[in-house]
Structures are given as structure tokens and as C-alpha cells.
Amino acid sequence: MSGSNSKTSISASLEVYTDGASRGNPGPAAYGFIFVRNNEIIFEESRTLGKTTNNTAEYYAILSALKRAQEFARPSVIVYSDSELVIKQINNQYRITKPHLAQLRAELAIVEKNFTDIHFRNVPRENRFIRRCDELCNQALDREVQV
């Protein structure tokens, strides 16, 4: 889906930062994502997922973020994640060998069609927006434990 002949400039893109986390692998899991415009967080969300793997949580973070991003009516989106594996799978650089991850990737392919221009990029976990997504995941998991 990402192309070099896009009509939308990258600077006009909605920046989406995502993270998935599990305490144990598998274990209690959550995802968090934020939307950034002009270097400011404009929206954030997190949810628990029950017991699952970290990679599954990473996929759910991206999938959930893109479903919500449609509400922001932005034709161009850049998705950032610290999961090199998931980003390389999405960008067809790595094969997906787990059937449940292949199913999530197939769902993601459907959602991607709602954007005219979409890019998936890997960033270090030290990125300040990724750190915020990680905080959101941990807050969601902590709330779940208290219930």
C-alpha cells in the first residue's frame, strides 16, 4: 500500500504510534495507541486483550488504531511501532508463519484500503511517543489487575 507516487505529502499524514504488551508470553495483554499531529498528541486509547502473546497484542494495536484513525478522516497515515517483526511482516519483508497472525494481517489488509496512502515504520522503543503507548498498555493492565 505504501507508494512513492502518493499525492499526499508525508507532513500532512496522521502519525499513529502503537504498542502491544503482554506480561508473560502468552499472558495478560493490552494495546495502546496515540495519534499525533504537529508533534502533539491529539488522541490516545488503550484496552486489555485477555491472555495472548506480545506479537498478537502488537497486531491488535495497529489494527485497532487504524480502525479508529478512519474517524479522523485523514487520507494519509504513517504507523510507527517498535516491533520490528510485525512491521517487517506487514511490509512483506518477513513471512508470517503463525496462522493467527496471518489472520490479523488479512484483517489489516482490509482496513488499509480505507486510506489512500499508508506507511508502516519501525522506530526504537525509546521514541517518546512509543514510550507513551507503552505507558498506556501498562496502565490498562494495571487497571485490569485491580478489578
Protein backbone atom coordinates (compact mmCIF):
# COMPACT_ATOMS: atom_id res chain seq x y z
CA MET A 1 0.00 0.00 0.00
CA SER A 2 2.84 2.43 0.56
CA GLY A 3 3.92 4.01 -2.67
CA SER A 4 6.34 6.63 -3.85
CA ASN A 5 3.84 8.24 -6.20
CA SER A 6 1.46 9.33 -3.46
CA LYS A 7 -0.44 12.58 -3.87
CA THR A 8 -0.43 13.31 -0.15
CA SER A 9 2.70 14.69 1.45
CA ILE A 10 4.06 12.82 4.44
CA SER A 11 3.88 16.02 6.51
CA ALA A 12 0.07 16.03 6.02
CA SER A 13 -0.17 12.47 7.30
CA LEU A 14 -1.74 11.46 10.57
CA GLU A 15 1.04 9.90 12.66
CA VAL A 16 -0.09 6.81 14.52
CA TYR A 17 2.12 5.30 17.23
CA THR A 18 1.27 1.86 18.58
CA ASP A 19 2.42 -0.65 21.16
CA GLY A 20 1.26 -4.04 22.35
CA ALA A 21 2.37 -5.69 25.56
CA SER A 22 1.92 -8.94 27.40
CA ARG A 23 3.02 -9.88 30.89
CA GLY A 24 4.19 -13.36 30.07
CA ASN A 25 4.19 -14.76 26.55
CA PRO A 26 1.34 -15.60 26.46
CA GLY A 27 0.00 -13.64 29.39
CA PRO A 28 -2.33 -10.79 30.26
CA ALA A 29 -2.05 -8.40 27.31
CA ALA A 30 -3.03 -4.91 26.23
CA TYR A 31 -2.52 -2.45 23.43
CA GLY A 32 -2.14 1.29 23.34
CA PHE A 33 -2.00 3.82 20.54
CA ILE A 34 -1.83 7.55 20.05
CA PHE A 35 -2.46 9.93 17.18
CA VAL A 36 0.00 12.77 16.69
CA ARG A 37 -0.44 15.91 14.65
CA ASN A 38 2.11 18.75 14.61
CA ASN A 39 4.18 16.89 17.21
CA GLU A 40 1.26 16.95 19.69
CA ILE A 41 -0.77 14.01 20.94
CA ILE A 42 -4.37 14.56 19.83
CA PHE A 43 -5.90 11.20 20.81
CA GLU A 44 -4.95 8.13 22.82
CA GLU A 45 -6.56 4.81 23.60
CA SER A 46 -5.70 1.56 25.35
CA ARG A 47 -7.52 -1.70 26.03
CA THR A 48 -6.81 -5.08 27.52
CA LEU A 49 -6.95 -8.19 25.37
CA GLY A 50 -7.10 -11.03 27.87
CA LYS A 51 -4.37 -13.64 27.68
CA THR A 52 -2.35 -13.60 24.45
CA THR A 53 1.15 -13.17 23.06
CA ASN A 54 3.11 -9.96 22.63
CA ASN A 55 3.08 -10.24 18.83
CA THR A 56 -0.70 -10.66 18.83
CA ALA A 57 -1.01 -7.56 21.03
CA GLU A 58 1.23 -5.62 18.60
CA TYR A 59 -1.04 -6.55 15.68
CA TYR A 60 -4.17 -5.61 17.65
CA ALA A 61 -2.60 -2.24 18.47
CA ILE A 62 -2.07 -1.45 14.79
CA LEU A 63 -5.42 -2.84 13.67
CA SER A 64 -7.36 -1.00 16.39
CA ALA A 65 -5.50 2.25 15.74
CA LEU A 66 -6.25 2.16 12.02
CA LYS A 67 -9.92 1.40 12.60
CA ARG A 68 -10.11 4.45 14.86
CA ALA A 69 -7.99 6.59 12.50
CA GLN A 70 -10.75 6.33 9.89
CA GLU A 71 -12.84 8.58 12.14
CA PHE A 72 -10.22 11.30 11.80
CA ALA A 73 -10.79 11.41 8.02
CA ARG A 74 -7.13 11.53 7.12
CA PRO A 75 -6.32 10.02 3.74
CA SER A 76 -2.66 9.54 4.64
CA VAL A 77 -1.36 7.65 7.66
CA ILE A 78 2.07 6.69 8.92
CA VAL A 79 2.04 3.91 11.50
CA TYR A 80 5.00 3.61 13.87
CA SER A 81 5.74 0.59 16.05
CA ASP A 82 8.75 -0.65 17.98
CA SER A 83 8.00 -4.23 16.87
CA GLU A 84 10.47 -4.88 14.07
CA LEU A 85 8.99 -8.33 13.47
CA VAL A 86 5.43 -7.10 13.00
CA ILE A 87 6.43 -4.13 10.82
CA LYS A 88 8.58 -6.35 8.60
CA GLN A 89 5.74 -8.87 8.32
CA ILE A 90 3.30 -6.10 7.35
CA ASN A 91 5.78 -4.75 4.79
CA ASN A 92 6.24 -8.26 3.33
CA GLN A 93 9.90 -8.44 4.37
CA TYR A 94 9.27 -11.40 6.69
CA ARG A 95 6.94 -14.34 6.18
CA ILE A 96 4.11 -14.86 8.64
CA THR A 97 4.26 -18.44 9.89
CA LYS A 98 1.62 -18.32 12.65
CA PRO A 99 -1.96 -18.76 11.35
CA HIS A 100 -3.49 -16.40 13.92
CA LEU A 101 -1.04 -13.63 12.94
CA ALA A 102 -1.76 -14.28 9.25
CA GLN A 103 -5.47 -13.80 10.03
CA LEU A 104 -4.77 -10.48 11.77
CA ARG A 105 -2.63 -9.40 8.81
CA ALA A 106 -5.51 -10.25 6.46
CA GLU A 107 -7.86 -8.11 8.56
CA LEU A 108 -5.32 -5.31 8.46
CA ALA A 109 -5.15 -5.51 4.64
CA ILE A 110 -8.88 -4.81 4.50
CA VAL A 111 -8.62 -1.78 6.81
CA GLU A 112 -5.61 -0.43 4.86
CA LYS A 113 -7.84 0.04 1.82
CA ASN A 114 -9.61 2.88 3.64
CA PHE A 115 -6.52 5.08 3.27
CA THR A 116 -5.13 6.49 0.04
CA ASP A 117 -1.58 6.42 1.39
CA ILE A 118 -0.29 4.30 4.25
CA HIS A 119 3.20 3.54 5.52
CA PHE A 120 4.43 1.26 8.31
CA ARG A 121 7.70 2.14 10.02
CA ASN A 122 9.76 0.66 12.80
CA VAL A 123 11.08 3.04 15.48
CA PRO A 124 13.11 2.40 18.63
CA ARG A 125 11.24 1.79 21.87
CA GLU A 126 12.99 4.87 23.24
CA ASN A 127 10.88 7.08 20.96
CA ARG A 128 8.87 9.38 23.24
CA PHE A 129 5.57 8.55 21.57
CA ILE A 130 6.23 4.80 21.74
CA ARG A 131 7.08 5.23 25.43
CA ARG A 132 3.67 6.87 25.90
CA CYS A 133 1.98 3.92 24.16
CA ASP A 134 3.86 1.57 26.48
CA GLU A 135 2.60 3.58 29.47
CA LEU A 136 -0.95 3.23 28.16
CA CYS A 137 -0.53 -0.54 27.89
CA ASN A 138 0.78 -0.78 31.44
CA GLN A 139 -1.99 1.43 32.79
CA ALA A 140 -4.61 -0.76 31.12
CA LEU A 141 -3.01 -3.92 32.54
CA ASP A 142 -2.73 -2.38 36.00
CA ARG A 143 -6.43 -1.40 35.93
CA GLU A 144 -7.34 -4.97 34.94
CA VAL A 145 -5.41 -6.38 37.91
CA GLN A 146 -7.20 -4.06 40.34
CA VAL A 147 -10.67 -5.16 39.21
